[in-house]
C-alpha cells in the first residue's frame, strides 16, 4: 500500500509541475535554474539583495514558490514568486540575525515554521504566515551550527547538536517548553550536523572525522555507523533516502596530489554500511588540477531522490539523475551547468523534483 501511495504521489507531482527548479549560490548572488531546459538555457534568474556571501538556501517543502537564504550579512531573506515563474520573484521579507554570522536555516516539513541561527548559541523561530518571531531559544548548551533539524511530523520538536571537547550529543527538544526529551550520545569527536529520516524513526549526525552515527529516535540507542575516520576525507552532504534503511552521502578525498568525489548510497542496516548499493566515481583528478576540484557543496532532492548535484570551487555545477531499478540505483550524468563567477557555496533542489 505504501508503495502504491508513493507512486501516485510521484505521478501527481511530476504531472503538476512542468519545471524542475534548482538553486546555486556564488558569493552574495543566488542563481535559479530550470534543469528541464535544453543545455545552455537552464539559467532563469539571479536574485540579488544580500551584501555578503550567502551561506545556505532552502525551499519551503510545503510551497516551492518560497525560498529562504541566510547570509554572513546577518540577514535572512525570503524570496517568493506569486506566478510560479521565478522570473517574477521578489524579496518579501528581510529578517535580522543580529547576534552573529548565521549558517543554519531550515523549514519545518509543513512549512509553518522557519528556524535559523542568529549567533551566540541562539536559534530564532518564526511562523511563516506573517513571518513573525514566535520563539527564540538562547543559551543552548554547546550548540554547533549548522546542526539543527525539525521533526518531520511535529514542528514543535527540534533536534540539534551539542558538542564540546568533553562530550558530543544530539538533543531532542520541545521548543514550547524547552524540555529536552532525549539526549543521544556518541564517542566521536565534534559532531557537526544532523538529519532525521522521513519516518522520524532514525537520527543521523556527522562527526568532524567524517564518521556518520545513526540512532534509534525513540529508544536513543546508537544503531549504526558509516565511514572511516580520516582527515583527508570531506563529507559535505548526507541524509536519509525515502526508505530509512539507506543513507546518502558524498565522499571526497582532498590530498594535494589527488581529489576524487563519490556519491554513496548505503544500506546501513546491512553490516553497518559496508554494503554500498551505488557509487558515483570517475570525476576526480590526479596530478594536474582541473575544473573538477575543490568540492564546496553537494545536495540531493530529498522528496524523491531523482537528482544529485555537486558544486565546485571553480564555479561548475554537475547534476546526476538517479533511478531505482529492482534492487539497484542507476546513476547517469544529467547536466553540467555553465561556469559561474566564484565558488559554489550552497545548493538546493525545489520540492517538485
Protein backbone atom coordinates (compact mmCIF):
# COMPACT_ATOMS: atom_id res chain seq x y z
CA UNK A 1 0.00 0.00 0.00
CA UNK A 2 2.82 2.43 0.88
CA UNK A 3 4.48 1.79 -2.48
CA UNK A 4 1.19 2.46 -4.31
CA UNK A 5 0.63 5.73 -2.42
CA UNK A 6 4.20 6.81 -3.11
CA UNK A 7 3.81 6.08 -6.84
CA UNK A 8 0.54 8.02 -7.02
CA UNK A 9 2.13 10.96 -5.22
CA UNK A 10 5.13 10.88 -7.55
CA UNK A 11 2.93 10.82 -10.66
CA UNK A 12 0.81 13.68 -9.30
CA UNK A 13 3.78 15.90 -8.55
CA UNK A 14 5.61 15.25 -11.80
CA UNK A 15 2.46 15.94 -13.84
CA UNK A 16 1.57 19.03 -11.82
CA UNK A 17 4.87 20.81 -12.42
CA UNK A 18 6.48 21.18 -15.84
CA UNK A 19 9.61 22.80 -14.41
CA UNK A 20 12.28 21.48 -12.08
CA UNK A 21 13.91 24.30 -10.16
CA UNK A 22 17.40 24.17 -8.74
CA UNK A 23 19.30 26.85 -6.79
CA UNK A 24 23.01 27.58 -6.53
CA UNK A 25 24.93 30.22 -4.60
CA UNK A 26 28.11 32.05 -5.60
CA UNK A 27 29.11 34.81 -3.22
CA UNK A 28 26.12 37.05 -2.50
CA UNK A 29 24.25 36.00 -5.64
CA UNK A 30 21.56 33.32 -5.82
CA UNK A 31 21.02 31.66 -9.21
CA UNK A 32 17.74 29.92 -10.11
CA UNK A 33 17.90 27.18 -12.77
CA UNK A 34 15.31 25.07 -14.55
CA UNK A 35 17.11 21.83 -15.31
CA UNK A 36 14.36 20.61 -17.66
CA UNK A 37 15.57 23.18 -20.21
CA UNK A 38 17.98 22.42 -23.03
CA UNK A 39 21.70 22.72 -22.41
CA UNK A 40 22.78 26.34 -22.17
CA UNK A 41 19.26 27.62 -21.47
CA UNK A 42 18.78 26.42 -17.90
CA UNK A 43 19.51 29.70 -16.12
CA UNK A 44 16.31 31.53 -15.12
CA UNK A 45 17.30 34.49 -12.93
CA UNK A 46 19.85 35.78 -10.44
CA UNK A 47 18.42 37.01 -7.13
CA UNK A 48 20.39 39.88 -5.61
CA UNK A 49 19.96 41.64 -2.30
CA UNK A 50 22.43 40.16 0.18
CA UNK A 51 25.51 42.30 0.77
CA UNK A 52 27.93 39.48 1.56
CA UNK A 53 28.25 35.74 0.99
CA UNK A 54 25.14 33.58 1.22
CA UNK A 55 25.74 30.58 3.48
CA UNK A 56 22.66 28.45 2.78
CA UNK A 57 19.44 28.36 0.73
CA UNK A 58 16.33 26.23 1.32
CA UNK A 59 12.99 25.83 -0.44
CA UNK A 60 9.82 25.71 1.62
CA UNK A 61 8.89 21.99 1.43
CA UNK A 62 5.18 22.90 1.51
CA UNK A 63 5.38 25.66 -1.14
CA UNK A 64 8.06 25.56 -3.83
CA UNK A 65 7.32 29.22 -4.68
CA UNK A 66 9.09 30.30 -1.46
CA UNK A 67 12.86 30.27 -0.97
CA UNK A 68 14.84 31.34 2.10
CA UNK A 69 18.51 32.37 2.22
CA UNK A 70 20.86 33.19 5.08
CA UNK A 71 23.96 35.32 4.66
CA UNK A 72 27.03 36.49 6.55
CA UNK A 73 25.49 39.98 6.31
CA UNK A 74 23.36 38.83 9.28
CA UNK A 75 20.07 38.71 7.42
CA UNK A 76 17.66 36.01 6.31
CA UNK A 77 15.82 36.90 3.11
CA UNK A 78 12.56 35.34 1.98
CA UNK A 79 12.02 35.20 -1.80
CA UNK A 80 8.68 34.44 -3.39
CA UNK A 81 7.02 34.18 -6.78
CA UNK A 82 3.25 34.55 -7.00
CA UNK A 83 3.02 33.24 -10.56
CA UNK A 84 5.14 30.12 -10.13
CA UNK A 85 7.71 31.58 -12.53
CA UNK A 86 10.88 32.62 -10.73
CA UNK A 87 11.42 35.41 -13.27
CA UNK A 88 8.80 37.29 -11.21
CA UNK A 89 10.45 36.58 -7.84
CA UNK A 90 10.79 39.33 -5.26
CA UNK A 91 12.18 39.55 -1.73
CA UNK A 92 9.16 39.75 0.57
CA UNK A 93 10.97 39.76 3.92
CA UNK A 94 14.42 40.52 5.35
CA UNK A 95 14.74 39.02 8.82
CA UNK A 96 17.53 40.15 11.12
CA UNK A 97 20.03 37.68 12.59
CA UNK A 98 21.79 40.38 14.54
CA UNK A 99 23.87 38.43 17.04
CA UNK A 100 26.38 36.87 14.69
CA UNK A 101 27.09 35.13 11.41
CA UNK A 102 24.38 32.55 10.75
CA UNK A 103 24.83 29.24 8.95
CA UNK A 104 21.75 27.26 9.96
CA UNK A 105 18.46 27.59 8.09
CA UNK A 106 15.65 25.04 7.99
CA UNK A 107 11.90 24.90 7.32
CA UNK A 108 9.59 22.56 9.16
CA UNK A 109 8.10 19.90 6.90
CA UNK A 110 4.65 21.52 6.99
CA UNK A 111 6.19 24.88 6.03
CA UNK A 112 4.69 26.63 9.06
CA UNK A 113 7.97 27.40 10.83
CA UNK A 114 11.43 28.58 9.80
CA UNK A 115 14.40 28.25 12.17
CA UNK A 116 17.74 29.97 11.77
CA UNK A 117 20.95 30.71 13.62
CA UNK A 118 21.34 34.25 14.99
CA UNK A 119 24.67 33.67 16.77
CA UNK A 120 25.60 33.33 20.45
CA UNK A 121 24.21 29.77 20.61
CA UNK A 122 20.74 31.09 19.80
CA UNK A 123 18.07 29.75 17.43
CA UNK A 124 15.25 32.03 16.28
CA UNK A 125 11.98 30.50 15.08
CA UNK A 126 9.41 32.41 13.01
CA UNK A 127 5.97 31.41 11.78
CA UNK A 128 5.76 31.71 8.02
CA UNK A 129 2.21 33.03 7.71
CA UNK A 130 3.20 36.57 8.74
CA UNK A 131 6.96 35.95 9.18
CA UNK A 132 6.78 36.91 12.86
CA UNK A 133 9.09 35.59 15.56
CA UNK A 134 7.37 33.13 17.87
CA UNK A 135 10.33 31.77 19.80
CA UNK A 136 13.98 32.46 20.49
CA UNK A 137 15.87 29.64 22.15
CA UNK A 138 19.05 31.04 23.63
CA UNK A 139 21.93 29.72 25.69
CA UNK A 140 21.75 26.33 24.01
CA UNK A 141 24.41 24.11 25.59
CA UNK A 142 27.40 23.95 23.22
CA UNK A 143 25.17 24.15 20.15
CA UNK A 144 27.04 23.60 16.91
CA UNK A 145 25.74 25.45 13.86
CA UNK A 146 24.55 24.18 11.36
CA UNK A 147 23.40 21.17 13.40
CA UNK A 148 19.62 21.68 13.59
CA UNK A 149 16.52 19.97 12.16
CA UNK A 150 12.76 19.85 12.72
CA UNK A 151 11.00 16.59 13.49
CA UNK A 152 9.17 15.51 10.28
CA UNK A 153 5.76 15.19 11.96
CA UNK A 154 5.89 17.75 14.79
CA UNK A 155 7.20 21.27 14.11
CA UNK A 156 7.31 21.91 17.87
CA UNK A 157 10.20 19.46 18.21
CA UNK A 158 13.72 20.29 17.07
CA UNK A 159 16.88 18.23 17.05
CA UNK A 160 20.24 19.94 17.47
CA UNK A 161 23.90 19.08 18.00
CA UNK A 162 25.58 19.86 21.34
CA UNK A 163 29.32 19.30 21.12
CA UNK A 164 32.35 20.25 23.19
CA UNK A 165 35.79 18.88 23.97
CA UNK A 166 34.26 16.81 26.77
CA UNK A 167 31.05 15.44 25.26
CA UNK A 168 29.24 15.07 21.95
CA UNK A 169 25.47 14.78 22.00
CA UNK A 170 22.34 15.27 19.91
CA UNK A 171 19.46 16.81 21.86
CA UNK A 172 15.75 16.41 21.06
CA UNK A 173 13.84 19.39 22.47
CA UNK A 174 10.26 20.68 22.63
CA UNK A 175 10.59 24.33 21.59
CA UNK A 176 7.50 25.43 23.50
CA UNK A 177 8.52 24.10 26.91
CA UNK A 178 12.31 23.97 26.23
CA UNK A 179 12.19 20.48 27.72
CA UNK A 180 14.94 18.16 26.47
CA UNK A 181 13.06 15.00 25.56
CA UNK A 182 16.06 12.82 24.83
CA UNK A 183 19.86 13.01 24.61
CA UNK A 184 21.72 10.87 22.05
CA UNK A 185 25.40 10.29 22.81
CA UNK A 186 28.38 9.49 20.58
CA UNK A 187 32.02 8.64 21.19
CA UNK A 188 33.24 10.53 18.11
CA UNK A 189 34.77 13.97 18.44
CA UNK A 190 32.90 17.11 17.37
CA UNK A 191 29.55 16.25 15.83
CA UNK A 192 28.76 18.80 13.11
CA UNK A 193 25.33 18.31 11.54
CA UNK A 194 22.12 16.35 11.97
CA UNK A 195 19.43 14.72 9.80
CA UNK A 196 16.17 12.91 10.59
CA UNK A 197 14.66 10.16 8.45
CA UNK A 198 11.32 10.94 6.79
CA UNK A 199 9.52 8.43 9.02
CA UNK A 200 11.03 10.00 12.15
CA UNK A 201 12.48 6.68 13.32
CA UNK A 202 16.19 7.45 12.95
CA UNK A 203 18.52 10.39 13.56
CA UNK A 204 21.98 10.70 11.99
CA UNK A 205 24.84 13.06 12.78
CA UNK A 206 28.18 13.59 11.07
CA UNK A 207 31.36 13.87 13.12
CA UNK A 208 34.39 16.05 12.42
CA UNK A 209 36.37 12.95 11.42
CA UNK A 210 33.63 12.21 8.82
CA UNK A 211 32.05 9.25 10.59
CA UNK A 212 28.23 9.20 10.43
CA UNK A 213 26.42 7.99 13.56
CA UNK A 214 22.82 6.71 13.47
CA UNK A 215 20.49 6.45 16.48
CA UNK A 216 17.07 5.00 17.08
CA UNK A 217 15.00 8.17 17.67
CA UNK A 218 12.63 6.56 20.16
CA UNK A 219 14.98 4.45 22.23
CA UNK A 220 18.06 6.62 21.85
CA UNK A 221 20.43 3.71 21.18
CA UNK A 222 23.29 4.04 18.71
CA UNK A 223 22.34 1.55 15.98
CA UNK A 224 24.71 2.26 13.10
CA UNK A 225 27.97 3.83 11.96
CA UNK A 226 29.14 4.64 8.44
CA UNK A 227 32.52 5.62 7.06
CA UNK A 228 36.03 5.51 8.42
CA UNK A 229 37.91 8.19 10.35
CA UNK A 230 40.10 10.31 8.08
CA UNK A 231 41.29 13.91 7.98
CA UNK A 232 41.79 13.62 4.20
CA UNK A 233 38.11 12.95 3.52
CA UNK A 234 35.40 15.58 3.30
CA UNK A 235 31.68 14.87 3.50
CA UNK A 236 29.69 17.99 2.58
CA UNK A 237 26.26 16.35 2.34
CA UNK A 238 24.46 13.42 3.88
CA UNK A 239 20.90 12.37 4.62
CA UNK A 240 18.38 9.56 4.64
CA UNK A 241 16.82 8.19 1.48
CA UNK A 242 12.99 7.85 1.30
CA UNK A 243 13.40 4.46 2.89
CA UNK A 244 15.20 4.98 6.21
CA UNK A 245 17.31 1.87 5.54
CA UNK A 246 19.52 3.91 3.20
CA UNK A 247 21.94 6.77 3.91
CA UNK A 248 23.10 9.00 1.05
CA UNK A 249 26.39 10.87 1.35
CA UNK A 250 29.24 12.17 -0.75
CA UNK A 251 32.80 11.12 -0.09
CA UNK A 252 35.66 13.40 -1.18
CA UNK A 253 39.41 12.99 -0.92
CA UNK A 254 41.34 16.25 -0.77
CA UNK A 255 45.01 15.29 -0.81
CA UNK A 256 47.25 17.65 -2.76
CA UNK A 257 48.00 15.11 -5.47
CA UNK A 258 44.53 13.71 -5.82
CA UNK A 259 40.88 14.74 -5.49
CA UNK A 260 38.00 12.38 -6.08
CA UNK A 261 34.34 12.51 -5.20
CA UNK A 262 31.69 9.82 -4.93
CA UNK A 263 28.05 9.65 -4.09
CA UNK A 264 27.40 6.63 -1.89
CA UNK A 265 24.01 5.09 -1.23
CA UNK A 266 24.42 2.75 1.70
CA UNK A 267 22.12 0.18 3.25
CA UNK A 268 23.44 0.90 6.72
CA UNK A 269 21.39 -1.89 8.34
CA UNK A 270 23.43 -4.47 6.45
CA UNK A 271 26.88 -4.79 8.02
CA UNK A 272 26.65 -1.21 9.29
CA UNK A 273 27.32 0.45 5.96
CA UNK A 274 29.70 -1.99 4.32
CA UNK A 275 27.17 -2.90 1.64
CA UNK A 276 27.35 0.01 -0.81
CA UNK A 277 24.38 -0.08 -3.18
CA UNK A 278 25.77 2.54 -5.54
CA UNK A 279 28.90 4.61 -6.01
CA UNK A 280 29.43 7.52 -8.37
CA UNK A 281 33.06 7.91 -9.37
CA UNK A 282 35.26 8.99 -12.23
CA UNK A 283 35.06 12.73 -11.84
CA UNK A 284 38.13 13.38 -9.76
CA UNK A 285 41.62 14.29 -10.85
CA UNK A 286 45.18 13.12 -10.28
CA UNK A 287 48.27 15.27 -10.54
CA UNK A 288 47.36 18.33 -12.63
CA UNK A 289 44.48 20.39 -11.30
CA UNK A 290 41.34 20.68 -13.41
CA UNK A 291 37.88 22.25 -13.30
CA UNK A 292 36.74 19.34 -11.14
CA UNK A 293 38.48 20.41 -7.95
CA UNK A 294 37.64 21.75 -4.52
CA UNK A 295 34.19 20.32 -3.88
CA UNK A 296 32.41 23.11 -1.98
CA UNK A 297 28.81 21.91 -1.80
CA UNK A 298 26.55 18.98 -2.53
CA UNK A 299 22.80 18.40 -2.46
CA UNK A 300 20.15 15.88 -3.41
CA UNK A 301 16.41 16.09 -3.81
CA UNK A 302 15.05 14.77 -0.51
CA UNK A 303 11.49 14.17 -1.69
CA UNK A 304 12.01 11.56 -4.39
CA UNK A 305 15.81 11.43 -4.72
CA UNK A 306 15.76 11.76 -8.50
CA UNK A 307 18.78 14.08 -8.73
CA UNK A 308 22.09 14.76 -7.03
CA UNK A 309 24.38 17.76 -7.55
CA UNK A 310 27.92 18.87 -6.70
CA UNK A 311 29.22 22.45 -6.73
CA UNK A 312 32.93 23.12 -7.25
CA UNK A 313 35.29 25.90 -6.23
CA UNK A 314 35.90 26.55 -9.92
CA UNK A 315 32.24 27.57 -10.40
CA UNK A 316 31.00 24.47 -12.21
CA UNK A 317 27.88 22.56 -11.13
CA UNK A 318 27.31 18.95 -12.13
CA UNK A 319 23.97 17.17 -11.80
CA UNK A 320 23.25 13.44 -11.91
CA UNK A 321 19.94 11.69 -12.45
CA UNK A 322 19.23 8.74 -10.16
CA UNK A 323 16.74 5.92 -10.80
CA UNK A 324 15.88 2.89 -8.70
CA UNK A 325 15.62 -0.29 -10.72
CA UNK A 326 14.90 -3.51 -8.86
CA UNK A 327 17.50 -3.62 -6.06
CA UNK A 328 19.97 -1.26 -7.73
CA UNK A 329 20.34 2.50 -8.12
CA UNK A 330 21.13 3.54 -11.69
CA UNK A 331 23.02 6.83 -11.94
CA UNK A 332 23.83 8.87 -15.04
CA UNK A 333 25.20 12.36 -15.58
CA UNK A 334 22.35 14.69 -16.44
CA UNK A 335 23.69 18.26 -16.64
CA UNK A 336 26.80 20.40 -16.44
CA UNK A 337 25.71 23.94 -15.68
CA UNK A 338 27.74 26.82 -17.03
CA UNK A 339 30.59 28.23 -15.03
CA UNK A 340 29.62 30.97 -12.57
CA UNK A 341 31.87 33.60 -11.03
CA UNK A 342 33.23 32.38 -7.72
CA UNK A 343 32.92 29.10 -5.88
CA UNK A 344 29.57 27.36 -5.45
CA UNK A 345 28.94 27.62 -1.70
CA UNK A 346 25.42 26.19 -1.45
CA UNK A 347 22.91 24.16 -3.50
CA UNK A 348 19.21 23.28 -3.13
CA UNK A 349 16.56 21.46 -5.13
CA UNK A 350 12.95 22.56 -5.46
CA UNK A 351 10.36 20.31 -3.83
CA UNK A 352 8.87 19.35 -7.18
CA UNK A 353 11.95 17.34 -8.15
